[in-house]
Amino acid sequence: AGLLLGIAFLFSNNICCFFDIASVENSNIGLYIVGGPDSLVSKYKILSKSEKAILTGHVDYSKVPLYLRAIDIAVIPLFENQHGLTTSPIKLFEYMAAGKTILASNLSSLNEILSTSEALFFEPGNVQDLAQKINFISKDSSLAVNSSTRPVRSVSLS
């Protein structure tokens, strides 16, 4: 039984790079990159050297819960730019409600919502740091439980 990572589509070559780095150390890691334009799927498949990286392209929103149930770790790899610093991604709340282990960029926009007891943070844009965190979780299965026991808390969007 390995880990299955889930990532909402991002327009970045780095996402495939971090997966290749992480999968070298742990052959039990698989990756879903869900969403994004179908026209870019082949480009990103070429960038990842792994057969265990699955890029779905556009997915109907009604199918998103199927992918959420399948993954062990949800990754939110935002960059330290205007979008990353001001966004409040709906995916984050979906991951929290699903009780998923969350790996997120260490940004103020995410730190306002997530605490260190709810997520593991990595340096934005640093694929080595992200790969290290994934490998850390993969070595301690208690950190990567599909946790139906993880408390769901109320979040105020003021």
Protein backbone atom coordinates (compact mmCIF):
# COMPACT_ATOMS: atom_id res chain seq x y z
CA ALA A 1 0.00 0.00 0.00
CA GLY A 2 1.56 3.27 -1.10
CA LEU A 3 0.64 6.92 -0.91
CA LEU A 4 -1.46 8.62 -3.53
CA LEU A 5 -0.95 12.36 -3.81
CA GLY A 6 -3.62 14.63 -5.21
CA ILE A 7 -2.89 18.03 -6.66
CA ALA A 8 -5.20 20.51 -8.26
CA PHE A 9 -3.76 21.48 -11.63
CA LEU A 10 -1.18 24.22 -11.63
CA PHE A 11 0.55 25.79 -14.62
CA SER A 12 4.05 24.83 -13.55
CA ASN A 13 6.78 22.48 -14.70
CA ASN A 14 7.87 22.21 -11.05
CA ILE A 15 4.98 19.93 -10.10
CA CYS A 16 6.35 17.09 -12.21
CA CYS A 17 9.89 17.79 -10.98
CA PHE A 18 8.96 17.41 -7.31
CA PHE A 19 7.12 14.18 -8.06
CA ASP A 20 10.10 12.72 -9.87
CA ILE A 21 12.34 13.67 -6.92
CA ALA A 22 9.96 12.19 -4.34
CA SER A 23 9.29 8.99 -6.29
CA VAL A 24 13.03 8.25 -6.62
CA GLU A 25 13.26 7.90 -2.83
CA ASN A 26 9.90 6.16 -2.39
CA SER A 27 8.64 3.89 -5.13
CA ASN A 28 5.24 3.57 -3.39
CA ILE A 29 4.17 7.12 -4.27
CA GLY A 30 1.61 7.81 -7.00
CA LEU A 31 0.34 11.18 -8.20
CA TYR A 32 -2.94 12.51 -9.56
CA ILE A 33 -2.91 15.97 -11.10
CA VAL A 34 -6.59 16.71 -11.44
CA GLY A 35 -8.04 19.38 -13.71
CA GLY A 36 -6.57 21.92 -16.05
CA PRO A 37 -6.81 22.30 -19.79
CA ASP A 38 -6.70 19.07 -21.76
CA SER A 39 -4.32 20.74 -24.23
CA LEU A 40 -1.53 20.78 -21.61
CA VAL A 41 -1.86 17.19 -20.41
CA SER A 42 0.56 15.76 -22.97
CA LYS A 43 3.14 18.49 -22.19
CA TYR A 44 3.13 17.65 -18.48
CA LYS A 45 3.17 13.89 -19.12
CA ILE A 46 6.40 14.38 -21.05
CA LEU A 47 7.91 16.39 -18.18
CA SER A 48 7.28 13.64 -15.64
CA LYS A 49 9.40 10.59 -16.14
CA SER A 50 7.13 8.43 -13.98
CA GLU A 51 4.40 6.08 -15.12
CA LYS A 52 2.73 6.70 -11.75
CA ALA A 53 1.88 10.32 -12.52
CA ILE A 54 -1.68 10.50 -13.83
CA LEU A 55 -2.87 13.77 -15.35
CA THR A 56 -6.62 13.82 -15.81
CA GLY A 57 -7.10 17.03 -17.73
CA HIS A 58 -10.50 18.67 -17.27
CA VAL A 59 -12.73 16.81 -14.81
CA ASP A 60 -16.43 17.42 -14.33
CA TYR A 61 -16.95 18.89 -10.85
CA SER A 62 -19.32 16.04 -9.96
CA LYS A 63 -16.36 13.61 -10.22
CA VAL A 64 -14.06 15.56 -7.89
CA PRO A 65 -15.27 13.65 -4.77
CA LEU A 66 -14.11 10.40 -6.40
CA TYR A 67 -10.57 11.74 -6.67
CA LEU A 68 -10.71 13.14 -3.14
CA ARG A 69 -11.64 9.72 -1.77
CA ALA A 70 -8.79 8.09 -3.70
CA ILE A 71 -5.93 10.27 -2.45
CA ASP A 72 -4.00 10.10 0.82
CA ILE A 73 -2.32 13.51 0.70
CA ALA A 74 -3.68 16.73 -0.80
CA VAL A 75 -1.03 19.19 -1.97
CA ILE A 76 -1.57 22.94 -2.35
CA PRO A 77 1.57 24.21 -4.12
CA LEU A 78 0.99 27.95 -4.44
CA PHE A 79 3.80 30.34 -5.33
CA GLU A 80 4.84 33.43 -3.41
CA ASN A 81 3.28 35.88 -5.86
CA GLN A 82 0.20 38.12 -5.88
CA HIS A 83 -2.13 35.18 -6.56
CA GLY A 84 -0.57 32.94 -3.90
CA LEU A 85 -0.54 35.68 -1.27
CA THR A 86 -4.15 36.75 -1.76
CA THR A 87 -5.98 33.57 -2.71
CA SER A 88 -8.21 31.44 -0.53
CA PRO A 89 -8.51 28.28 -2.61
CA ILE A 90 -11.82 26.45 -2.35
CA LYS A 91 -9.81 23.24 -2.74
CA LEU A 92 -8.31 23.85 0.69
CA PHE A 93 -11.75 23.74 2.30
CA GLU A 94 -12.66 20.65 0.29
CA TYR A 95 -9.49 18.92 1.51
CA MET A 96 -10.21 19.94 5.11
CA ALA A 97 -13.81 18.71 4.92
CA ALA A 98 -12.61 15.41 3.42
CA GLY A 99 -10.19 14.96 6.35
CA LYS A 100 -7.14 14.71 4.09
CA THR A 101 -3.53 15.12 5.11
CA ILE A 102 -2.61 18.52 3.65
CA LEU A 103 0.77 19.70 2.37
CA ALA A 104 0.65 23.41 1.64
CA SER A 105 2.94 26.25 0.63
CA ASN A 106 3.99 28.26 3.67
CA LEU A 107 2.13 31.45 2.75
CA SER A 108 0.23 33.94 4.89
CA SER A 109 -2.93 33.36 2.84
CA LEU A 110 -2.89 29.67 3.88
CA ASN A 111 -1.49 30.22 7.39
CA GLU A 112 -4.55 32.35 8.19
CA ILE A 113 -6.69 29.24 7.68
CA LEU A 114 -4.43 26.28 8.48
CA SER A 115 -2.43 25.64 11.61
CA THR A 116 0.62 23.41 11.92
CA SER A 117 -1.64 20.78 13.51
CA GLU A 118 -3.79 20.74 10.36
CA ALA A 119 -1.12 20.80 7.65
CA LEU A 120 2.54 20.33 6.92
CA PHE A 121 4.05 23.37 5.21
CA PHE A 122 6.84 23.64 2.63
CA GLU A 123 8.75 26.57 1.19
CA PRO A 124 6.82 28.00 -1.79
CA GLY A 125 8.35 27.03 -5.12
CA ASN A 126 10.96 24.77 -3.49
CA VAL A 127 10.48 21.35 -5.10
CA GLN A 128 13.24 19.80 -2.96
CA ASP A 129 11.49 20.87 0.25
CA LEU A 130 8.14 19.59 -1.00
CA ALA A 131 9.69 16.23 -1.98
CA GLN A 132 11.33 15.98 1.47
CA LYS A 133 7.97 16.59 3.19
CA ILE A 134 6.28 13.94 1.05
CA ASN A 135 9.01 11.44 1.86
CA PHE A 136 8.75 12.38 5.57
CA ILE A 137 5.02 11.62 5.54
CA SER A 138 5.56 8.40 3.60
CA LYS A 139 7.90 7.14 6.32
CA ASP A 140 5.44 7.90 9.15
CA SER A 141 2.07 6.48 8.16
CA SER A 142 0.41 8.09 11.18
CA LEU A 143 0.87 11.44 9.41
CA ALA A 144 -0.89 10.29 6.23
CA VAL A 145 -4.09 8.77 7.48
CA ASN A 146 -7.26 9.37 5.47
CA SER A 147 -8.51 10.76 8.68
CA SER A 148 -12.23 10.54 9.23
CA THR A 149 -11.34 11.21 12.87
CA ARG A 150 -9.64 14.54 12.10
CA PRO A 151 -11.92 17.23 13.49
CA VAL A 152 -13.68 19.46 11.01
CA ARG A 153 -13.75 23.01 12.30
CA SER A 154 -15.70 26.06 11.39
CA VAL A 155 -13.85 28.64 9.31
CA SER A 156 -15.03 32.23 9.21
CA LEU A 157 -14.57 34.01 5.88
CA SER A 158 -14.74 37.62 6.91
